[in-house]
């Protein structure tokens, strides 16, 4: 794993382990890449409870509790969907934090409204919800996915740091 991803994942794992906190992932377009980055860190079994690769809508609904209404009105690639995915992963796996992704990594599958390279990310805790939309980062499937994993880890780090600094 590249050093930049590893350093962020290591910070997250060490902080969560130190605090007795846990994390889950809910991934669509990143296909388990966030979970792979976290579990590449020695000692990650102390805080990484698991991940769900929810590529199909039915998996998002059945395993993560995403509302069919959200999928039909907001779409699979939307802020509301990734928030529901992340909160569903926290609930399903009983964790303190979760991160979720949904998007169009490419090279096909994009539309005029949601072009290839559009990816939504959510990182959540019990008190915080951060979201970000990567828009039109169409650099090919591998680079789109790698960028989404990096941004997801950075957002998760911010949520962890926010909770760590709570009084």
N, C-alpha and C. Protein backbone atom coordinates (compact mmCIF):
# COMPACT_ATOMS: atom_id res chain seq x y z
N UNK A 1 0.85 -1.17 0.00
CA UNK A 1 0.00 0.00 0.00
C UNK A 1 0.89 1.24 0.00
N UNK A 2 0.43 2.25 -0.69
CA UNK A 2 1.24 3.46 -0.77
C UNK A 2 1.30 4.16 0.59
N UNK A 3 2.39 4.86 0.80
CA UNK A 3 2.70 5.45 2.10
C UNK A 3 1.64 6.45 2.58
N UNK A 4 1.13 7.28 1.67
CA UNK A 4 0.14 8.30 2.06
C UNK A 4 -1.12 7.66 2.67
N UNK A 5 -1.63 6.64 2.01
CA UNK A 5 -2.81 5.95 2.52
C UNK A 5 -2.50 5.24 3.84
N UNK A 6 -1.35 4.61 3.89
CA UNK A 6 -0.97 3.86 5.08
C UNK A 6 -0.87 4.76 6.31
N UNK A 7 -0.26 5.93 6.17
CA UNK A 7 -0.08 6.84 7.31
C UNK A 7 -1.42 7.28 7.89
N UNK A 8 -2.37 7.59 7.02
CA UNK A 8 -3.69 8.01 7.51
C UNK A 8 -4.39 6.82 8.17
N UNK A 9 -4.35 5.66 7.52
CA UNK A 9 -4.97 4.47 8.09
C UNK A 9 -4.34 4.12 9.44
N UNK A 10 -3.03 4.25 9.54
CA UNK A 10 -2.32 3.96 10.79
C UNK A 10 -2.77 4.91 11.90
N UNK A 11 -2.89 6.20 11.59
CA UNK A 11 -3.38 7.16 12.59
C UNK A 11 -4.76 6.75 13.08
N UNK A 12 -5.65 6.42 12.15
CA UNK A 12 -7.02 6.05 12.51
C UNK A 12 -7.01 4.81 13.41
N UNK A 13 -6.31 3.77 12.99
CA UNK A 13 -6.27 2.52 13.75
C UNK A 13 -5.67 2.73 15.14
N UNK A 14 -4.57 3.42 15.22
CA UNK A 14 -3.93 3.65 16.52
C UNK A 14 -4.82 4.47 17.45
N UNK A 15 -5.46 5.50 16.91
CA UNK A 15 -6.34 6.34 17.73
C UNK A 15 -7.56 5.56 18.20
N UNK A 16 -8.21 4.86 17.29
CA UNK A 16 -9.39 4.08 17.67
C UNK A 16 -9.04 3.01 18.69
N UNK A 17 -7.95 2.32 18.47
CA UNK A 17 -7.52 1.26 19.39
C UNK A 17 -7.23 1.83 20.77
N UNK A 18 -6.54 2.96 20.80
CA UNK A 18 -6.18 3.62 22.06
C UNK A 18 -7.42 4.03 22.86
N UNK A 19 -8.45 4.47 22.15
CA UNK A 19 -9.68 4.95 22.80
C UNK A 19 -10.70 3.84 23.04
N UNK A 20 -10.45 2.67 22.50
CA UNK A 20 -11.43 1.59 22.62
C UNK A 20 -12.62 1.77 21.68
N UNK A 21 -12.42 2.52 20.61
CA UNK A 21 -13.47 2.79 19.62
C UNK A 21 -13.37 1.81 18.46
N UNK A 22 -14.45 1.76 17.66
CA UNK A 22 -14.48 0.83 16.53
C UNK A 22 -15.01 1.52 15.28
N UNK A 23 -14.75 0.88 14.13
CA UNK A 23 -15.14 1.45 12.85
C UNK A 23 -15.65 0.36 11.91
N UNK A 24 -16.51 0.77 11.00
CA UNK A 24 -17.03 -0.11 9.94
C UNK A 24 -17.00 0.66 8.63
N UNK A 25 -16.99 -0.08 7.53
CA UNK A 25 -17.05 0.55 6.22
C UNK A 25 -18.26 0.04 5.45
N UNK A 26 -18.80 0.92 4.60
CA UNK A 26 -19.89 0.57 3.69
C UNK A 26 -19.47 1.12 2.33
N UNK A 27 -19.05 0.24 1.45
CA UNK A 27 -18.43 0.68 0.21
C UNK A 27 -19.16 0.18 -1.02
N UNK A 28 -19.30 1.06 -1.97
CA UNK A 28 -19.81 0.66 -3.27
C UNK A 28 -18.67 0.79 -4.28
N UNK A 29 -18.43 1.96 -4.81
CA UNK A 29 -17.44 2.11 -5.88
C UNK A 29 -16.00 1.85 -5.45
N UNK A 30 -15.70 1.89 -4.16
CA UNK A 30 -14.34 1.60 -3.70
C UNK A 30 -14.13 0.11 -3.44
N UNK A 31 -15.17 -0.68 -3.51
CA UNK A 31 -15.07 -2.13 -3.52
C UNK A 31 -14.29 -2.77 -2.39
N UNK A 32 -14.30 -2.18 -1.21
CA UNK A 32 -13.57 -2.75 -0.08
C UNK A 32 -12.18 -2.15 0.11
N UNK A 33 -11.82 -1.19 -0.70
CA UNK A 33 -10.49 -0.59 -0.63
C UNK A 33 -10.22 0.16 0.66
N UNK A 34 -11.24 0.77 1.24
CA UNK A 34 -11.06 1.48 2.52
C UNK A 34 -10.80 0.47 3.62
N UNK A 35 -11.61 -0.58 3.65
CA UNK A 35 -11.40 -1.64 4.64
C UNK A 35 -10.03 -2.27 4.47
N UNK A 36 -9.59 -2.48 3.24
CA UNK A 36 -8.28 -3.06 2.99
C UNK A 36 -7.17 -2.15 3.51
N UNK A 37 -7.32 -0.84 3.33
CA UNK A 37 -6.31 0.11 3.83
C UNK A 37 -6.25 0.07 5.35
N UNK A 38 -7.39 0.03 5.99
CA UNK A 38 -7.42 0.00 7.47
C UNK A 38 -6.84 -1.31 8.00
N UNK A 39 -7.22 -2.42 7.38
CA UNK A 39 -6.77 -3.72 7.91
C UNK A 39 -5.32 -4.05 7.52
N UNK A 40 -4.71 -3.22 6.69
CA UNK A 40 -3.28 -3.39 6.39
C UNK A 40 -2.41 -2.95 7.56
N UNK A 41 -3.00 -2.23 8.50
CA UNK A 41 -2.27 -1.73 9.66
C UNK A 41 -2.26 -2.82 10.75
N UNK A 42 -1.08 -3.19 11.24
CA UNK A 42 -1.02 -4.18 12.33
C UNK A 42 -1.82 -3.69 13.54
N UNK A 43 -2.59 -4.60 14.13
CA UNK A 43 -3.41 -4.25 15.29
C UNK A 43 -4.79 -3.76 14.93
N UNK A 44 -5.11 -3.73 13.64
CA UNK A 44 -6.41 -3.23 13.22
C UNK A 44 -7.57 -4.08 13.72
N UNK A 45 -7.30 -5.33 14.08
CA UNK A 45 -8.39 -6.20 14.57
C UNK A 45 -8.95 -5.69 15.89
N UNK A 46 -8.25 -4.79 16.55
CA UNK A 46 -8.76 -4.21 17.80
C UNK A 46 -9.86 -3.18 17.56
N UNK A 47 -9.98 -2.68 16.32
CA UNK A 47 -10.95 -1.60 16.10
C UNK A 47 -11.77 -1.72 14.82
N UNK A 48 -11.32 -2.48 13.85
CA UNK A 48 -12.08 -2.61 12.60
C UNK A 48 -13.02 -3.79 12.75
N UNK A 49 -14.32 -3.50 12.83
CA UNK A 49 -15.29 -4.59 13.00
C UNK A 49 -15.63 -5.28 11.69
N UNK A 50 -15.60 -4.53 10.59
CA UNK A 50 -15.90 -5.14 9.30
C UNK A 50 -16.32 -4.13 8.27
N UNK A 51 -16.62 -4.65 7.09
CA UNK A 51 -17.05 -3.81 6.00
C UNK A 51 -18.06 -4.53 5.13
N UNK A 52 -18.91 -3.76 4.52
CA UNK A 52 -19.89 -4.30 3.59
C UNK A 52 -19.66 -3.65 2.24
N UNK A 53 -19.42 -4.47 1.21
CA UNK A 53 -19.35 -3.96 -0.14
C UNK A 53 -20.76 -4.07 -0.71
N UNK A 54 -21.41 -2.93 -0.78
CA UNK A 54 -22.83 -2.87 -1.17
C UNK A 54 -22.93 -2.29 -2.58
N UNK A 55 -22.62 -3.10 -3.56
CA UNK A 55 -22.64 -2.66 -4.95
C UNK A 55 -24.06 -2.53 -5.48
N UNK A 56 -24.90 -3.48 -5.12
CA UNK A 56 -26.28 -3.49 -5.61
C UNK A 56 -27.20 -2.75 -4.65
N UNK A 57 -28.25 -2.13 -5.21
CA UNK A 57 -29.21 -1.39 -4.38
C UNK A 57 -29.83 -2.27 -3.32
N UNK A 58 -30.14 -3.52 -3.65
CA UNK A 58 -30.80 -4.39 -2.68
C UNK A 58 -29.92 -4.64 -1.46
N UNK A 59 -28.60 -4.65 -1.63
CA UNK A 59 -27.69 -4.83 -0.51
C UNK A 59 -27.67 -3.56 0.34
N UNK A 60 -27.70 -2.42 -0.30
CA UNK A 60 -27.76 -1.15 0.44
C UNK A 60 -29.01 -1.12 1.32
N UNK A 61 -30.12 -1.60 0.78
CA UNK A 61 -31.39 -1.60 1.52
C UNK A 61 -31.39 -2.67 2.61
N UNK A 62 -31.08 -3.91 2.25
CA UNK A 62 -31.20 -5.04 3.19
C UNK A 62 -30.15 -5.04 4.29
N UNK A 63 -28.91 -4.74 3.96
CA UNK A 63 -27.84 -4.84 4.96
C UNK A 63 -27.51 -3.52 5.64
N UNK A 64 -27.74 -2.41 4.93
CA UNK A 64 -27.36 -1.11 5.48
C UNK A 64 -28.55 -0.24 5.86
N UNK A 65 -29.75 -0.68 5.54
CA UNK A 65 -30.94 0.07 5.92
C UNK A 65 -31.17 1.33 5.13
N UNK A 66 -30.59 1.42 3.93
CA UNK A 66 -30.85 2.59 3.09
C UNK A 66 -32.32 2.54 2.65
N UNK A 67 -32.98 3.64 2.76
CA UNK A 67 -34.39 3.71 2.40
C UNK A 67 -34.58 3.60 0.89
N UNK A 68 -35.50 2.74 0.44
CA UNK A 68 -35.81 2.69 -0.99
C UNK A 68 -36.28 4.05 -1.51
N UNK A 69 -36.93 4.80 -0.64
CA UNK A 69 -37.38 6.16 -1.00
C UNK A 69 -36.19 7.05 -1.32
N UNK A 70 -35.13 6.95 -0.51
CA UNK A 70 -33.92 7.74 -0.76
C UNK A 70 -33.32 7.36 -2.11
N UNK A 71 -33.24 6.08 -2.38
CA UNK A 71 -32.67 5.63 -3.65
C UNK A 71 -33.49 6.11 -4.84
N UNK A 72 -34.82 6.10 -4.71
CA UNK A 72 -35.66 6.51 -5.85
C UNK A 72 -35.70 8.03 -6.02
N UNK A 73 -35.63 8.78 -4.93
CA UNK A 73 -35.73 10.25 -5.06
C UNK A 73 -34.38 10.94 -5.18
N UNK A 74 -33.39 10.45 -4.45
CA UNK A 74 -32.07 11.09 -4.44
C UNK A 74 -31.08 10.41 -5.37
N UNK A 75 -31.26 9.10 -5.56
CA UNK A 75 -30.36 8.34 -6.41
C UNK A 75 -29.31 7.60 -5.61
N UNK A 76 -28.70 6.63 -6.23
CA UNK A 76 -27.68 5.81 -5.59
C UNK A 76 -26.43 6.65 -5.32
N UNK A 77 -26.09 7.52 -6.23
CA UNK A 77 -24.91 8.38 -6.07
C UNK A 77 -25.40 9.73 -5.54
N UNK A 78 -25.54 9.79 -4.20
CA UNK A 78 -26.06 11.01 -3.58
C UNK A 78 -25.58 11.13 -2.14
N UNK A 79 -25.62 12.33 -1.65
CA UNK A 79 -25.24 12.60 -0.27
C UNK A 79 -26.12 11.83 0.71
N UNK A 80 -27.42 11.85 0.48
CA UNK A 80 -28.32 11.15 1.40
C UNK A 80 -28.05 9.65 1.43
N UNK A 81 -27.76 9.07 0.28
CA UNK A 81 -27.50 7.63 0.23
C UNK A 81 -26.25 7.26 1.02
N UNK A 82 -25.15 8.02 0.86
CA UNK A 82 -23.93 7.65 1.59
C UNK A 82 -24.08 7.90 3.09
N UNK A 83 -24.85 8.89 3.47
CA UNK A 83 -25.10 9.10 4.90
C UNK A 83 -25.86 7.90 5.47
N UNK A 84 -26.90 7.47 4.77
CA UNK A 84 -27.67 6.31 5.23
C UNK A 84 -26.83 5.04 5.23
N UNK A 85 -25.95 4.90 4.25
CA UNK A 85 -25.06 3.74 4.21
C UNK A 85 -24.14 3.74 5.43
N UNK A 86 -23.52 4.88 5.72
CA UNK A 86 -22.59 4.96 6.84
C UNK A 86 -23.31 4.74 8.17
N UNK A 87 -24.43 5.39 8.36
CA UNK A 87 -25.18 5.21 9.61
C UNK A 87 -25.70 3.78 9.73
N UNK A 88 -26.07 3.17 8.62
CA UNK A 88 -26.51 1.78 8.63
C UNK A 88 -25.38 0.83 9.00
N UNK A 89 -24.18 1.11 8.50
CA UNK A 89 -23.02 0.28 8.85
C UNK A 89 -22.72 0.39 10.34
N UNK A 90 -22.79 1.61 10.88
CA UNK A 90 -22.58 1.80 12.33
C UNK A 90 -23.59 0.99 13.13
N UNK A 91 -24.83 1.06 12.72
CA UNK A 91 -25.89 0.36 13.44
C UNK A 91 -25.75 -1.15 13.30
N UNK A 92 -25.57 -1.62 12.08
CA UNK A 92 -25.47 -3.06 11.82
C UNK A 92 -24.29 -3.70 12.55
N UNK A 93 -23.17 -2.99 12.58
CA UNK A 93 -21.97 -3.57 13.18
C UNK A 93 -21.68 -3.05 14.58
N UNK A 94 -22.51 -2.15 15.08
CA UNK A 94 -22.34 -1.67 16.44
C UNK A 94 -21.03 -0.94 16.66
N UNK A 95 -20.71 0.01 15.77
CA UNK A 95 -19.44 0.72 15.85
C UNK A 95 -19.63 2.18 16.28
N UNK A 96 -18.52 2.82 16.56
CA UNK A 96 -18.52 4.23 16.93
C UNK A 96 -18.36 5.14 15.72
N UNK A 97 -17.80 4.61 14.64
CA UNK A 97 -17.55 5.36 13.42
C UNK A 97 -17.84 4.50 12.21
N UNK A 98 -18.11 5.16 11.08
CA UNK A 98 -18.24 4.45 9.81
C UNK A 98 -17.95 5.42 8.68
N UNK A 99 -17.59 4.83 7.55
CA UNK A 99 -17.35 5.60 6.34
C UNK A 99 -18.02 4.87 5.19
N UNK A 100 -18.57 5.65 4.23
CA UNK A 100 -19.28 5.04 3.11
C UNK A 100 -18.96 5.77 1.81
N UNK A 101 -19.03 5.01 0.70
CA UNK A 101 -18.82 5.58 -0.63
C UNK A 101 -19.85 5.06 -1.61
N UNK A 102 -20.21 5.91 -2.56
CA UNK A 102 -21.05 5.50 -3.67
C UNK A 102 -20.77 6.45 -4.83
N UNK A 103 -20.52 5.88 -6.00
CA UNK A 103 -20.21 6.74 -7.12
C UNK A 103 -20.01 5.97 -8.41
N UNK A 104 -19.50 6.69 -9.40
CA UNK A 104 -19.26 6.12 -10.71
C UNK A 104 -17.76 6.18 -10.97
N UNK A 105 -17.08 5.07 -10.76
CA UNK A 105 -15.63 5.02 -10.92
C UNK A 105 -15.21 4.98 -12.39
N UNK A 106 -16.09 4.44 -13.25
CA UNK A 106 -15.80 4.41 -14.67
C UNK A 106 -15.26 3.08 -15.13
N UNK A 107 -14.92 2.94 -16.36
CA UNK A 107 -14.88 3.99 -17.36
C UNK A 107 -16.24 4.34 -17.96
N UNK A 108 -17.25 3.52 -17.67
CA UNK A 108 -18.60 3.81 -18.18
C UNK A 108 -19.54 3.94 -17.00
N UNK A 109 -20.81 4.16 -17.30
CA UNK A 109 -21.83 4.22 -16.27
C UNK A 109 -22.26 5.62 -15.89
N UNK A 110 -21.56 6.61 -16.37
CA UNK A 110 -21.93 7.98 -16.05
C UNK A 110 -23.11 8.47 -16.87
N UNK A 111 -23.69 9.56 -16.41
CA UNK A 111 -24.78 10.22 -17.12
C UNK A 111 -24.44 11.71 -17.22
N UNK A 112 -25.30 12.47 -17.88
CA UNK A 112 -25.10 13.92 -17.97
C UNK A 112 -25.13 14.55 -16.58
N UNK A 113 -26.01 14.05 -15.71
CA UNK A 113 -26.14 14.60 -14.35
C UNK A 113 -25.07 14.07 -13.40
N UNK A 114 -24.66 12.81 -13.61
CA UNK A 114 -23.66 12.18 -12.74
C UNK A 114 -22.59 11.56 -13.63
N UNK A 115 -21.64 12.38 -14.08
CA UNK A 115 -20.61 11.86 -14.98
C UNK A 115 -19.63 10.93 -14.27
N UNK A 116 -18.91 10.15 -15.06
CA UNK A 116 -17.86 9.29 -14.53
C UNK A 116 -16.91 10.13 -13.68
N UNK A 117 -16.54 9.59 -12.54
CA UNK A 117 -15.65 10.31 -11.62
C UNK A 117 -16.39 11.01 -10.50
N UNK A 118 -17.72 10.98 -10.51
CA UNK A 118 -18.51 11.57 -9.43
C UNK A 118 -18.68 10.54 -8.33
N UNK A 119 -18.20 10.87 -7.14
CA UNK A 119 -18.24 9.93 -6.02
C UNK A 119 -18.61 10.69 -4.75
N UNK A 120 -19.61 10.19 -4.03
CA UNK A 120 -20.00 10.75 -2.73
C UNK A 120 -19.36 9.94 -1.61
N UNK A 121 -18.91 10.63 -0.58
CA UNK A 121 -18.30 10.01 0.59
C UNK A 121 -18.96 10.57 1.84
N UNK A 122 -19.20 9.71 2.83
CA UNK A 122 -19.68 10.15 4.15
C UNK A 122 -18.85 9.47 5.22
N UNK A 123 -18.48 10.24 6.23
CA UNK A 123 -17.81 9.70 7.42
C UNK A 123 -18.64 10.15 8.61
N UNK A 124 -18.99 9.22 9.50
CA UNK A 124 -19.90 9.54 10.59
C UNK A 124 -19.43 8.97 11.92
N UNK A 125 -19.89 9.66 12.97
CA UNK A 125 -19.78 9.15 14.34
C UNK A 125 -21.18 9.29 14.92
N UNK A 126 -21.33 9.08 16.21
CA UNK A 126 -22.65 9.24 16.82
C UNK A 126 -23.09 10.70 16.84
N UNK A 127 -22.13 11.62 16.75
CA UNK A 127 -22.47 13.05 16.85
C UNK A 127 -22.10 13.87 15.62
N UNK A 128 -21.29 13.32 14.73
CA UNK A 128 -20.81 14.08 13.58
C UNK A 128 -21.12 13.36 12.27
N UNK A 129 -21.38 14.16 11.23
CA UNK A 129 -21.57 13.63 9.88
C UNK A 129 -20.86 14.57 8.91
N UNK A 130 -19.86 14.03 8.24
CA UNK A 130 -19.13 14.79 7.22
C UNK A 130 -19.39 14.15 5.87
N UNK A 131 -19.64 14.98 4.86
CA UNK A 131 -19.82 14.46 3.51
C UNK A 131 -18.97 15.27 2.53
N UNK A 132 -18.69 14.64 1.41
CA UNK A 132 -17.93 15.31 0.35
C UNK A 132 -18.28 14.66 -0.98
N UNK A 133 -18.41 15.48 -1.99
CA UNK A 133 -18.65 14.96 -3.34
C UNK A 133 -17.42 15.24 -4.19
N UNK A 134 -16.84 14.17 -4.70
CA UNK A 134 -15.75 14.28 -5.67
C UNK A 134 -16.44 14.43 -7.01
N UNK A 135 -16.25 15.55 -7.63
CA UNK A 135 -16.94 15.80 -8.90
C UNK A 135 -15.98 15.73 -10.08
N UNK A 136 -16.33 14.89 -11.00
CA UNK A 136 -15.66 14.83 -12.30
C UNK A 136 -14.16 14.58 -12.21
N UNK A 137 -13.74 13.79 -11.25
CA UNK A 137 -12.33 13.41 -11.17
C UNK A 137 -12.14 12.19 -12.07
N UNK A 138 -12.37 12.38 -13.35
CA UNK A 138 -12.32 11.25 -14.27
C UNK A 138 -10.91 11.05 -14.80
N UNK A 139 -10.13 10.31 -14.03
CA UNK A 139 -8.75 10.01 -14.38
C UNK A 139 -8.56 8.52 -14.64
N UNK A 140 -9.65 7.83 -14.91
CA UNK A 140 -9.60 6.38 -15.09
C UNK A 140 -10.04 5.69 -13.81
N UNK A 141 -10.53 4.49 -13.96
CA UNK A 141 -11.11 3.75 -12.84
C UNK A 141 -10.16 3.61 -11.65
N UNK A 142 -8.93 3.20 -11.89
CA UNK A 142 -7.99 3.00 -10.79
C UNK A 142 -7.72 4.29 -10.03
N UNK A 143 -7.45 5.36 -10.73
CA UNK A 143 -7.17 6.64 -10.06
C UNK A 143 -8.42 7.21 -9.39
N UNK A 144 -9.59 7.03 -10.01
CA UNK A 144 -10.82 7.50 -9.38
C UNK A 144 -11.05 6.77 -8.05
N UNK A 145 -10.85 5.45 -8.07
CA UNK A 145 -11.03 4.64 -6.86
C UNK A 145 -10.01 5.00 -5.80
N UNK A 146 -8.76 5.12 -6.18
CA UNK A 146 -7.69 5.47 -5.24
C UNK A 146 -7.96 6.83 -4.61
N UNK A 147 -8.39 7.79 -5.40
CA UNK A 147 -8.70 9.12 -4.89
C UNK A 147 -9.85 9.06 -3.88
N UNK A 148 -10.86 8.26 -4.19
CA UNK A 148 -12.01 8.13 -3.28
C UNK A 148 -11.59 7.48 -1.97
N UNK A 149 -10.69 6.50 -2.02
CA UNK A 149 -10.20 5.86 -0.80
C UNK A 149 -9.42 6.87 0.04
N UNK A 150 -8.56 7.64 -0.60
CA UNK A 150 -7.79 8.65 0.12
C UNK A 150 -8.70 9.68 0.78
N UNK A 151 -9.64 10.22 0.05
CA UNK A 151 -10.55 11.22 0.61
C UNK A 151 -11.39 10.61 1.73
N UNK A 152 -11.81 9.37 1.58
CA UNK A 152 -12.59 8.70 2.62
C UNK A 152 -11.78 8.57 3.91
N UNK A 153 -10.52 8.16 3.79
CA UNK A 153 -9.67 8.03 4.97
C UNK A 153 -9.42 9.40 5.61
N UNK A 154 -9.20 10.42 4.79
CA UNK A 154 -9.00 11.77 5.33
C UNK A 154 -10.23 12.26 6.08
N UNK A 155 -11.41 11.99 5.54
CA UNK A 155 -12.65 12.40 6.22
C UNK A 155 -12.85 11.62 7.50
N UNK A 156 -12.58 10.33 7.47
CA UNK A 156 -12.69 9.51 8.68
C UNK A 156 -11.73 10.02 9.74
N UNK A 157 -10.52 10.38 9.34
CA UNK A 157 -9.55 10.94 10.28
C UNK A 157 -10.09 12.22 10.92
N UNK A 158 -10.73 13.08 10.14
CA UNK A 158 -11.29 14.33 10.69
C UNK A 158 -12.38 14.04 11.72
N UNK A 159 -13.23 13.07 11.42
CA UNK A 159 -14.31 12.73 12.36
C UNK A 159 -13.71 12.16 13.65
N UNK A 160 -12.72 11.30 13.52
CA UNK A 160 -12.05 10.72 14.70
C UNK A 160 -11.38 11.82 15.51
N UNK A 161 -10.67 12.72 14.85
CA UNK A 161 -10.02 13.82 15.56
C UNK A 161 -11.04 14.71 16.28
N UNK A 162 -12.17 14.96 15.65
CA UNK A 162 -13.22 15.78 16.26
C UNK A 162 -13.73 15.12 17.54
N UNK A 163 -13.99 13.82 17.48
CA UNK A 163 -14.46 13.10 18.66
C UNK A 163 -13.37 13.02 19.74
N UNK A 164 -12.15 12.85 19.30
CA UNK A 164 -11.03 12.75 20.24
C UNK A 164 -10.85 14.06 21.03
N UNK A 165 -11.18 15.19 20.41
CA UNK A 165 -11.00 16.48 21.04
C UNK A 165 -12.23 16.97 21.79
N UNK A 166 -13.27 16.14 21.86
CA UNK A 166 -14.46 16.51 22.64
C UNK A 166 -14.11 16.54 24.14
N UNK A 167 -14.68 17.48 24.87
CA UNK A 167 -14.40 17.52 26.33
C UNK A 167 -14.98 16.34 27.06
